[in-house]
Amino acid sequence: MKITDVRVRIVKKDDSKLKAVASVTFDDCFVIHDIKIIEGNEGPFIAMPSRKTNDGEYKDIAHPIKQETREEIIKAILSAYAEEKNKETE
């Protein structure tokens, strides 16, 4: 599968660790929405879409199985996030 589109929407909440929400399209035919971009202690990271279970835990709804796929998705999202942040400062 090839990533064919990444869209990032910046979240405007100064006190929140949630900085943006992303959507990633694969092969122009499958999309994953609501991937969160969160500011951590060591920089931004992504959190895949999840739901809260009955016992209070959060489980991913969609996620990559292979590590190289995960790394490709992370790189594409964080790159698009950096571009969006740059647009805001221009």
Protein backbone atom coordinates (compact mmCIF):
# COMPACT_ATOMS: atom_id res chain seq x y z
CA MET A 1 0.00 0.00 0.00
CA LYS A 2 1.16 3.48 -0.81
CA ILE A 3 0.28 6.67 1.05
CA THR A 4 -1.35 8.91 -1.52
CA ASP A 5 -2.57 11.79 0.67
CA VAL A 6 -2.03 13.19 4.16
CA ARG A 7 -4.17 15.98 5.55
CA VAL A 8 -3.49 17.70 8.85
CA ARG A 9 -5.81 20.03 10.75
CA ILE A 10 -4.13 22.10 13.47
CA VAL A 11 -6.02 22.23 16.79
CA LYS A 12 -6.05 25.72 18.31
CA LYS A 13 -5.94 25.00 22.05
CA ASP A 14 -2.95 26.56 23.78
CA ASP A 15 -3.15 24.44 26.94
CA SER A 16 -3.71 21.10 25.20
CA LYS A 17 -1.11 18.48 24.31
CA LEU A 18 -3.27 17.61 21.28
CA LYS A 19 -1.76 19.71 18.50
CA ALA A 20 -3.45 18.40 15.34
CA VAL A 21 -5.59 15.69 13.79
CA ALA A 22 -4.59 13.87 10.60
CA SER A 23 -6.20 11.76 7.89
CA VAL A 24 -4.12 9.40 5.75
CA THR A 25 -5.27 8.00 2.40
CA PHE A 26 -3.81 4.80 0.96
CA ASP A 27 -3.84 3.98 -2.77
CA ASP A 28 -6.47 6.68 -3.37
CA CYS A 29 -9.08 4.23 -2.05
CA PHE A 30 -8.82 3.79 1.75
CA VAL A 31 -8.62 6.47 4.43
CA ILE A 32 -7.97 6.54 8.17
CA HIS A 33 -9.31 9.62 9.98
CA ASP A 34 -8.75 10.98 13.49
CA ILE A 35 -5.06 10.19 13.90
CA LYS A 36 -3.98 12.48 16.74
CA ILE A 37 -0.74 14.42 16.81
CA ILE A 38 0.26 14.93 20.43
CA GLU A 39 3.12 17.00 21.86
CA GLY A 40 5.17 14.77 24.14
CA ASN A 41 8.23 15.40 26.26
CA GLU A 42 10.49 14.32 23.39
CA GLY A 43 8.56 16.00 20.58
CA PRO A 44 5.38 15.23 18.66
CA PHE A 45 4.09 11.69 18.24
CA ILE A 46 0.96 10.15 16.73
CA ALA A 47 -1.87 8.18 18.31
CA MET A 48 -4.00 6.02 16.06
CA PRO A 49 -7.81 6.27 16.30
CA SER A 50 -9.09 4.45 19.37
CA ARG A 51 -12.18 3.76 21.42
CA LYS A 52 -12.72 3.37 25.13
CA THR A 53 -13.59 -0.15 26.26
CA ASN A 54 -16.02 -1.03 29.06
CA ASP A 55 -13.12 -1.42 31.50
CA GLY A 56 -11.80 2.09 30.75
CA GLU A 57 -8.88 1.12 28.52
CA TYR A 58 -8.34 2.58 25.07
CA LYS A 59 -7.89 0.20 22.13
CA ASP A 60 -6.78 1.21 18.64
CA ILE A 61 -9.51 0.88 16.03
CA ALA A 62 -7.04 0.85 13.13
CA HIS A 63 -3.28 0.45 13.25
CA PRO A 64 -0.36 -0.82 11.14
CA ILE A 65 0.81 -4.36 11.79
CA LYS A 66 4.33 -4.04 10.39
CA GLN A 67 6.89 -1.73 11.99
CA GLU A 68 8.10 -0.36 8.64
CA THR A 69 4.52 0.60 7.75
CA ARG A 70 4.10 2.33 11.11
CA GLU A 71 7.34 4.27 10.55
CA GLU A 72 6.25 5.31 7.05
CA ILE A 73 2.92 6.60 8.38
CA ILE A 74 4.58 8.46 11.26
CA LYS A 75 7.09 10.10 8.92
CA ALA A 76 4.39 11.19 6.45
CA ILE A 77 2.11 12.60 9.16
CA LEU A 78 4.81 14.45 11.08
CA SER A 79 6.17 15.89 7.83
CA ALA A 80 2.71 17.17 6.85
CA TYR A 81 2.27 18.53 10.41
CA ALA A 82 5.55 20.47 10.16
CA GLU A 83 4.41 21.95 6.82
CA GLU A 84 1.09 23.06 8.33
CA LYS A 85 2.85 24.65 11.30
CA ASN A 86 5.15 26.53 8.92
CA LYS A 87 2.15 27.85 6.96
CA GLU A 88 0.73 29.30 10.17
CA THR A 89 3.91 31.23 10.96
CA GLU A 90 4.28 32.75 7.48
